[in-house]
Every structure is written in structure tokens, then in C-alpha cells.
Amino acid sequence: MNTLKMKLLPIFLLIPLFAFSQSDKYFKSGQELQLAENWNEAIVHYQIALEQNPNHEDALFNHAICAKHLNKMTVVKKDINNLLSINPNNIEAIEWRGAIALKEERWQDAINDFTTVLKKEEIFEVRLNRAIAYLENNQSELCYGDLVSCRNQQGFHAGVHAIFGDYHLKKDNLSEAKTAYKKSLDAFSENSIVLNNCGIVATKEGNFKEAIDYFTQASELEPRSDIFAHLALAYVEDNDLVNATQFATLAITKDINESRGHFALGMVKFKKEIFDEAIEYFDDAVNAAADFKDAYLMRAKSNIELSLTRVAKPDLLKVISFDPENEEAQRLLKNL
């Protein structure tokens, strides 16, 4: 009986060993395909590897990488969650989960994951991403602390200067924001986001031609709906209603929910004193963004121009609920 047991034991051991060797075989072929940027085929091989060994962490992680290249974010999230169910302490997976939360604008979830990673290991990119999440989560001083740490680590870095610019822009420190953005552009001039934000600073400063130049550069690099909308609004301020109409139309063609595009078209109609059509565009703007204070104000002003004061009053009250210090809304309400 002892002899039989000794013979049977290796037979049982051969089964998982065979499975693992098959898993590793497909994992290695998946790696080769991944290196060749053959993402679809690599995914197939990683899937077979995972069928043989569902706990193969490297296969899961590489599967997620390939899925990300194919923009299959649902698959990526599933892979990362599976990785963390196998190994809750997988730092790379936690970092990825934080990056996904950042992309999805779940700021506190991103902060939590990035903080977990930074407690284990100091990683420049993670700290910079946490600074972004802090800023978006209205924790500006914590953002500033992370940015100083990043600057101390890397010295001159385009990304750090860009986020410093965002920090100052959010605080309405326009001069400091402009300085930080220009430092970022000195290192990397073809950054559509920084160029767009330079345009926002110039608009706030009343330098509309400069703003148009920045937004134009940004839109040529990345033709996004929000950049077209900003460009349209700069043209409105510069009284170029033809270009304003063109770029506002482009904005809402790319994204029907681009509230600033609708607002820009409303401003064009308002400047042309076609108030009923202006109101329709302002309606679209507030339907796309319920907190669009300026759209409520301009809709109220349009209704006042049409002597529809009763209709204007709720919009003015809405503006004041958003901004109790808004002098124009208070003045118009008082004069109704």
C-alpha cells in the first residue's frame, strides 16, 4: 500500500504542474505579441493563460495593459479588481485603480489609492496625480504640498508647472498662473491643455486676441469641443461674430452637450439683438449644465429686453443663489 501511494503522489502532482506550464507557455507568447503591439492577439493568449491559472497576476496585469491600448476600460477595471481580489497589496494594481478613479473624476477614491501607494513607495507620477485629485477635490493646500514635493524631486518639470498653473488659476491668481503655464510650455510647447488654460487666463485678463491665439493653437493640436467653445467665446468678446458662430457650431457638432457652445451662440444672437433666439440657446446651455450661472443671467437679460420681467426674475434669483455677491443680478432684480 505504501508503494501504491508513492506511485500515485507524482501523478496527482503532474496535473497542476501541466496546467501551470501551459499557462506560462501562453503567458510568454502573449508577452511576445504584446511587445509587437499586437494587442488583440496578446489578449487571446493571456485569456488562455488565465483559463489555465486564474491567479496568474502577471497575465492579468498584462491583459489589462493590452485592454487599455484597445480602449476597453470596462475590461481594464475588471482585471484590476480581479488582481486586487487575488492580492489586495498589489501596489501597481492600486495605482491603476487610482488612475481610473482620477479619469472618472472620483477624486476622493483616487486620493485614497494614491495615498496607499505613497505610503509604500515614493513615486513621482503618483504624487503628481494625487496633487491633481486634491485640486479637483477643493483641497488646494494639500495639492500645493504635493506639488512642492514633486518640484523638489524633479526640479524643472513641465507637468509640475502645469498643475501649479491650475492651482493659481483656481485661486484666480492670474499672473502666477500665466508664469507657471509659460514655464510648462517652455519645456513642452505642444500641450493642448496648457495652451487652452493660457487662453482662459488671457480671457480673464481681457486680452481676447491673445486668448484667440492660444485657443487656436490648442484646437489645432487637439480639436476638442471645449476648446472650440472657449475660442468661440473669445471671438464673441472680440466682436467677431462670424468666427464666434463658426467655432460655437463646431463645438456643439462635436458634443451636443457642450454648454459653452450653446452659450456662445446665445451671445451671438444677444449681440445681434435677436433676443428670442438667444433665449433658445441659453435654454440649451442650462439644460446641458444646470449650474451655468452666466447662462441664467443672460437668459434673464434677454427676457428683460423682451419686457418679460416675470420670466426673468426666477433666473436672477438662481444667479444670486449661486453667487450672492453678483452685483449685476442684484441690480437687475431691484429694477424689475
Protein backbone atom coordinates (compact mmCIF):
# COMPACT_ATOMS: atom_id res chain seq x y z
CA MET A 1 0.00 0.00 0.00
CA ASN A 2 2.81 2.38 0.74
CA THR A 3 4.29 1.66 -2.70
CA LEU A 4 0.98 2.47 -4.38
CA LYS A 5 0.77 5.77 -2.54
CA MET A 6 4.28 6.68 -3.57
CA LYS A 7 3.38 6.00 -7.21
CA LEU A 8 0.10 7.89 -7.10
CA LEU A 9 1.51 11.05 -5.50
CA PRO A 10 3.57 12.16 -8.53
CA ILE A 11 0.58 11.51 -10.81
CA PHE A 12 -1.56 13.96 -8.83
CA LEU A 13 1.26 16.46 -8.78
CA LEU A 14 1.66 16.31 -12.56
CA ILE A 15 -1.85 17.70 -13.17
CA PRO A 16 -1.31 21.20 -11.68
CA LEU A 17 2.27 21.27 -12.97
CA PHE A 18 1.00 20.63 -16.50
CA ALA A 19 -1.64 23.33 -16.11
CA PHE A 20 0.91 25.83 -14.85
CA SER A 21 3.36 25.03 -17.64
CA GLN A 22 0.57 25.55 -20.22
CA SER A 23 -0.34 28.82 -18.51
CA ASP A 24 3.26 30.03 -18.61
CA LYS A 25 3.57 28.98 -22.26
CA TYR A 26 0.61 31.13 -23.30
CA PHE A 27 1.75 33.92 -20.98
CA LYS A 28 5.15 34.07 -22.71
CA SER A 29 3.60 34.04 -26.18
CA GLY A 30 1.25 36.81 -25.01
CA GLN A 31 4.30 38.83 -23.92
CA GLU A 32 5.88 38.45 -27.37
CA LEU A 33 2.67 39.59 -29.07
CA GLN A 34 2.38 42.48 -26.64
CA LEU A 35 5.94 43.62 -27.40
CA ALA A 36 4.97 43.58 -31.09
CA GLU A 37 1.94 45.75 -30.15
CA ASN A 38 -0.42 43.05 -31.39
CA TRP A 39 -2.87 43.82 -28.60
CA ASN A 40 -5.82 41.69 -29.76
CA GLU A 41 -3.77 38.52 -30.22
CA ALA A 42 -1.91 39.13 -26.97
CA ILE A 43 -5.22 39.36 -25.13
CA VAL A 44 -6.30 35.98 -26.55
CA HIS A 45 -3.11 34.33 -25.29
CA TYR A 46 -3.40 35.94 -21.87
CA GLN A 47 -7.00 34.74 -21.65
CA ILE A 48 -5.90 31.15 -22.32
CA ALA A 49 -3.14 31.54 -19.70
CA LEU A 50 -5.75 32.73 -17.20
CA GLU A 51 -8.08 29.83 -18.03
CA GLN A 52 -5.23 27.51 -17.03
CA ASN A 53 -4.28 29.58 -13.98
CA PRO A 54 -6.88 32.19 -12.89
CA ASN A 55 -4.47 33.53 -10.23
CA HIS A 56 -1.69 34.42 -12.67
CA GLU A 57 -1.12 38.05 -11.58
CA ASP A 58 1.29 38.94 -14.38
CA ALA A 59 -1.11 37.61 -17.03
CA LEU A 60 -3.96 39.62 -15.51
CA PHE A 61 -1.88 42.79 -15.39
CA ASN A 62 -0.65 42.43 -18.96
CA HIS A 63 -4.20 41.63 -20.08
CA ALA A 64 -5.24 44.96 -18.53
CA ILE A 65 -2.42 46.80 -20.32
CA CYS A 66 -3.50 45.42 -23.70
CA ALA A 67 -7.14 46.21 -22.99
CA LYS A 68 -6.15 49.78 -22.15
CA HIS A 69 -4.39 50.12 -25.51
CA LEU A 70 -7.64 48.98 -27.15
CA ASN A 71 -9.60 51.48 -25.01
CA LYS A 72 -11.59 48.66 -23.37
CA MET A 73 -11.82 50.34 -19.99
CA THR A 74 -14.55 48.02 -18.68
CA VAL A 75 -12.15 45.10 -19.19
CA VAL A 76 -9.31 47.04 -17.57
CA LYS A 77 -11.40 47.75 -14.47
CA LYS A 78 -12.45 44.11 -14.22
CA ASP A 79 -8.82 42.95 -14.50
CA ILE A 80 -7.64 45.39 -11.83
CA ASN A 81 -10.45 44.34 -9.46
CA ASN A 82 -9.57 40.68 -10.03
CA LEU A 83 -5.92 41.41 -9.33
CA LEU A 84 -6.80 43.10 -6.06
CA SER A 85 -9.08 40.25 -5.04
CA ILE A 86 -6.11 37.88 -5.51
CA ASN A 87 -3.57 40.21 -3.91
CA PRO A 88 -5.02 43.25 -2.08
CA ASN A 89 -1.47 44.60 -1.59
CA ASN A 90 -0.56 44.73 -5.28
CA ILE A 91 0.79 48.29 -5.44
CA GLU A 92 0.69 48.54 -9.23
CA ALA A 93 -2.95 47.48 -9.28
CA ILE A 94 -3.83 50.02 -6.57
CA GLU A 95 -2.06 52.72 -8.59
CA TRP A 96 -4.05 51.74 -11.69
CA ARG A 97 -7.30 51.77 -9.75
CA GLY A 98 -6.45 55.28 -8.56
CA ALA A 99 -5.68 56.38 -12.11
CA ILE A 100 -9.05 55.02 -13.27
CA ALA A 101 -10.80 56.88 -10.45
CA LEU A 102 -8.96 60.06 -11.49
CA LYS A 103 -10.12 59.66 -15.10
CA GLU A 104 -13.68 59.08 -13.90
CA GLU A 105 -13.49 62.20 -11.67
CA ARG A 106 -13.95 60.19 -8.47
CA TRP A 107 -11.48 62.43 -6.70
CA GLN A 108 -11.63 61.00 -3.17
CA ASP A 109 -11.28 57.41 -4.39
CA ALA A 110 -8.24 58.48 -6.40
CA ILE A 111 -6.74 60.26 -3.38
CA ASN A 112 -7.25 57.18 -1.20
CA ASP A 113 -5.50 54.85 -3.66
CA PHE A 114 -2.63 57.23 -4.40
CA THR A 115 -2.10 57.75 -0.66
CA THR A 116 -1.91 53.98 -0.12
CA VAL A 117 0.74 53.71 -2.85
CA LEU A 118 2.78 56.64 -1.50
CA LYS A 119 2.86 55.11 1.99
CA LYS A 120 4.61 52.10 0.45
CA GLU A 121 6.79 53.82 -2.13
CA GLU A 122 7.59 57.38 -3.25
CA ILE A 123 6.60 57.59 -6.93
CA PHE A 124 6.75 60.97 -8.66
CA GLU A 125 3.85 60.32 -11.07
CA VAL A 126 1.59 59.10 -8.26
CA ARG A 127 2.27 62.19 -6.15
CA LEU A 128 1.60 64.45 -9.13
CA ASN A 129 -1.68 62.63 -9.83
CA ARG A 130 -2.65 62.99 -6.18
CA ALA A 131 -1.97 66.73 -6.46
CA ILE A 132 -4.44 66.87 -9.37
CA ALA A 133 -7.05 64.94 -7.38
CA TYR A 134 -6.56 67.21 -4.34
CA LEU A 135 -7.01 70.31 -6.52
CA GLU A 136 -10.19 68.97 -8.14
CA ASN A 137 -11.46 67.95 -4.70
CA ASN A 138 -11.02 71.55 -3.45
CA GLN A 139 -8.15 70.60 -1.13
CA SER A 140 -5.83 73.22 -2.56
CA GLU A 141 -3.31 73.36 0.28
CA LEU A 142 -2.76 69.59 0.17
CA CYS A 143 -2.36 69.96 -3.60
CA TYR A 144 0.27 72.65 -3.05
CA GLY A 145 2.19 70.42 -0.62
CA ASP A 146 2.35 67.60 -3.16
CA LEU A 147 3.43 69.99 -5.91
CA VAL A 148 6.31 71.31 -3.77
CA SER A 149 7.39 67.72 -3.10
CA CYS A 150 7.26 66.95 -6.83
CA ARG A 151 9.30 70.06 -7.63
CA ASN A 152 11.88 69.06 -5.03
CA GLN A 153 12.12 65.59 -6.61
CA GLN A 154 12.28 66.54 -10.28
CA GLY A 155 13.23 70.21 -10.38
CA PHE A 156 12.08 71.76 -13.66
CA HIS A 157 9.23 69.61 -14.96
CA ALA A 158 6.50 70.60 -17.44
CA GLY A 159 3.78 68.64 -15.63
CA VAL A 160 4.55 70.18 -12.25
CA HIS A 161 4.47 73.72 -13.67
CA ALA A 162 1.20 72.94 -15.47
CA ILE A 163 -0.51 71.86 -12.24
CA PHE A 164 0.98 74.85 -10.41
CA GLY A 165 -0.73 76.91 -13.13
CA ASP A 166 -4.04 75.13 -12.48
CA TYR A 167 -3.61 75.75 -8.75
CA HIS A 168 -3.13 79.50 -9.27
CA LEU A 169 -5.89 79.71 -11.89
CA LYS A 170 -8.34 78.13 -9.47
CA LYS A 171 -7.38 80.78 -6.90
CA ASP A 172 -7.70 83.49 -9.60
CA ASN A 173 -4.02 84.38 -9.26
CA LEU A 174 -3.78 85.13 -12.98
CA SER A 175 -0.21 86.46 -13.08
CA GLU A 176 1.15 83.43 -11.19
CA ALA A 177 -0.92 81.07 -13.33
CA LYS A 178 0.43 82.61 -16.55
CA THR A 179 4.03 82.35 -15.30
CA ALA A 180 3.60 78.68 -14.38
CA TYR A 181 1.93 77.79 -17.68
CA LYS A 182 4.64 79.55 -19.69
CA LYS A 183 7.32 77.58 -17.81
CA SER A 184 5.43 74.41 -18.70
CA LEU A 185 5.24 75.41 -22.37
CA ASP A 186 8.97 76.20 -22.39
CA ALA A 187 9.57 72.51 -21.67
CA PHE A 188 6.77 71.10 -23.82
CA SER A 189 5.16 73.57 -26.21
CA GLU A 190 2.65 71.18 -27.83
CA ASN A 191 0.36 70.70 -24.84
CA SER A 192 -3.22 71.47 -25.81
CA ILE A 193 -4.45 71.54 -22.20
CA VAL A 194 -1.87 74.11 -21.09
CA LEU A 195 -2.44 76.21 -24.22
CA ASN A 196 -6.19 76.11 -23.57
CA ASN A 197 -5.63 77.20 -19.97
CA CYS A 198 -3.36 80.04 -21.13
CA GLY A 199 -6.30 81.12 -23.27
CA ILE A 200 -8.57 81.08 -20.23
CA VAL A 201 -6.11 83.28 -18.32
CA ALA A 202 -5.89 85.71 -21.24
CA THR A 203 -9.71 85.82 -21.47
CA LYS A 204 -9.99 86.60 -17.76
CA GLU A 205 -7.42 89.37 -18.23
CA GLY A 206 -9.42 90.83 -21.14
CA ASN A 207 -6.67 90.05 -23.68
CA PHE A 208 -9.04 88.49 -26.21
CA LYS A 209 -6.73 88.44 -29.24
CA GLU A 210 -4.08 86.70 -27.15
CA ALA A 211 -6.76 84.26 -25.93
CA ILE A 212 -7.82 83.57 -29.54
CA ASP A 213 -4.21 82.79 -30.44
CA TYR A 214 -3.84 80.32 -27.54
CA PHE A 215 -7.17 78.61 -28.21
CA THR A 216 -6.37 78.36 -31.92
CA GLN A 217 -3.03 76.66 -31.16
CA ALA A 218 -4.75 74.30 -28.72
CA SER A 219 -7.53 73.38 -31.18
CA GLU A 220 -5.00 72.65 -33.95
CA LEU A 221 -3.27 70.17 -31.64
CA GLU A 222 -6.48 68.65 -30.31
CA PRO A 223 -9.84 69.62 -31.87
CA ARG A 224 -11.92 69.22 -28.70
CA SER A 225 -15.40 70.62 -28.19
CA ASP A 226 -14.44 72.58 -25.06
CA ILE A 227 -11.52 74.30 -26.84
CA PHE A 228 -13.77 75.27 -29.76
CA ALA A 229 -16.30 76.67 -27.28
CA HIS A 230 -13.64 78.73 -25.50
CA LEU A 231 -12.41 80.00 -28.87
CA ALA A 232 -15.97 80.96 -29.84
CA LEU A 233 -16.45 82.90 -26.60
CA ALA A 234 -13.16 84.76 -27.12
CA TYR A 235 -14.37 85.74 -30.60
CA VAL A 236 -17.67 86.94 -29.05
CA GLU A 237 -15.70 89.17 -26.68
CA ASP A 238 -13.63 90.42 -29.63
CA ASN A 239 -16.88 91.19 -31.52
CA ASP A 240 -16.05 88.79 -34.33
CA LEU A 241 -19.47 87.18 -34.52
CA VAL A 242 -18.80 85.27 -37.75
CA ASN A 243 -15.91 83.28 -36.26
CA ALA A 244 -17.78 83.01 -32.96
CA THR A 245 -20.69 81.32 -34.76
CA GLN A 246 -18.38 79.03 -36.72
CA PHE A 247 -16.49 77.70 -33.71
CA ALA A 248 -19.53 77.50 -31.42
CA THR A 249 -21.25 75.39 -34.09
CA LEU A 250 -18.15 73.18 -34.31
CA ALA A 251 -18.22 72.76 -30.53
CA ILE A 252 -21.80 71.50 -30.37
CA THR A 253 -21.35 69.43 -33.52
CA LYS A 254 -18.58 67.53 -31.73
CA ASP A 255 -20.56 67.37 -28.48
CA ILE A 256 -24.23 68.34 -28.36
CA ASN A 257 -23.91 68.73 -24.56
CA GLU A 258 -21.13 71.34 -24.80
CA SER A 259 -22.94 74.01 -22.79
CA ARG A 260 -20.44 76.78 -23.60
CA GLY A 261 -21.02 76.22 -27.32
CA HIS A 262 -24.75 76.84 -26.88
CA PHE A 263 -23.96 79.82 -24.67
CA ALA A 264 -21.65 81.31 -27.30
CA LEU A 265 -24.39 81.04 -29.94
CA GLY A 266 -26.77 82.68 -27.49
CA MET A 267 -24.30 85.53 -27.02
CA VAL A 268 -24.04 86.00 -30.78
CA LYS A 269 -27.83 86.33 -31.02
CA PHE A 270 -27.91 88.64 -27.98
CA LYS A 271 -25.31 90.94 -29.54
CA LYS A 272 -27.38 90.97 -32.74
CA GLU A 273 -30.43 91.82 -30.57
CA ILE A 274 -32.30 88.70 -31.70
CA PHE A 275 -33.39 88.04 -28.13
CA ASP A 276 -35.96 85.28 -28.68
CA GLU A 277 -33.37 83.12 -30.47
CA ALA A 278 -30.78 83.98 -27.84
CA ILE A 279 -33.14 82.62 -25.18
CA GLU A 280 -33.40 79.30 -27.01
CA TYR A 281 -29.62 78.88 -26.96
CA PHE A 282 -29.41 79.89 -23.30
CA ASP A 283 -32.12 77.29 -22.61
CA ASP A 284 -29.86 74.68 -24.25
CA ALA A 285 -26.90 75.88 -22.18
CA VAL A 286 -28.66 75.48 -18.82
CA ASN A 287 -30.18 72.18 -19.89
CA ALA A 288 -26.65 70.90 -20.56
CA ALA A 289 -25.20 72.42 -17.37
CA ALA A 290 -27.69 73.18 -14.60
CA ASP A 291 -25.16 75.33 -12.69
CA PHE A 292 -24.29 77.60 -15.65
CA LYS A 293 -24.62 80.92 -13.82
CA ASP A 294 -23.82 83.18 -16.79
CA ALA A 295 -26.40 81.43 -18.98
CA TYR A 296 -29.13 82.11 -16.39
CA LEU A 297 -28.03 85.75 -16.21
CA MET A 298 -28.03 86.22 -19.99
CA ARG A 299 -31.39 84.48 -20.33
CA ALA A 300 -32.78 86.90 -17.74
CA LYS A 301 -31.31 89.88 -19.61
CA SER A 302 -32.80 88.61 -22.88
CA ASN A 303 -36.24 88.28 -21.29
CA ILE A 304 -35.93 91.79 -19.82
CA GLU A 305 -35.18 93.10 -23.32
CA LEU A 306 -38.47 91.47 -24.41
CA SER A 307 -40.26 93.03 -21.39
CA LEU A 308 -40.81 89.55 -19.91
CA THR A 309 -39.80 90.60 -16.40
CA ARG A 310 -41.78 87.90 -14.60
CA VAL A 311 -39.91 85.25 -16.57
CA ALA A 312 -36.58 86.96 -15.87
CA LYS A 313 -36.99 87.06 -12.09
CA PRO A 314 -36.50 83.31 -11.35
CA ASP A 315 -33.28 83.32 -13.40
CA LEU A 316 -31.90 86.30 -11.49
CA LEU A 317 -32.74 84.61 -8.20
CA LYS A 318 -30.96 81.50 -9.49
CA VAL A 319 -27.83 83.54 -10.26
CA ILE A 320 -27.88 85.04 -6.76
CA SER A 321 -28.27 81.57 -5.22
CA PHE A 322 -25.03 80.59 -7.00
CA ASP A 323 -23.30 83.92 -6.39
CA PRO A 324 -24.81 86.05 -3.59
CA GLU A 325 -22.37 88.90 -4.36
CA ASN A 326 -23.33 89.18 -8.04
CA GLU A 327 -23.93 92.92 -8.38
CA GLU A 328 -25.43 92.80 -11.88
CA ALA A 329 -28.06 90.24 -10.91
CA GLN A 330 -28.91 92.20 -7.77
CA ARG A 331 -29.23 95.46 -9.73
CA LEU A 332 -31.44 93.91 -12.42
CA LEU A 333 -33.64 92.24 -9.79
CA LYS A 334 -34.04 95.52 -7.94
CA ASN A 335 -35.09 97.31 -11.13
CA LEU A 336 -37.75 94.76 -12.17
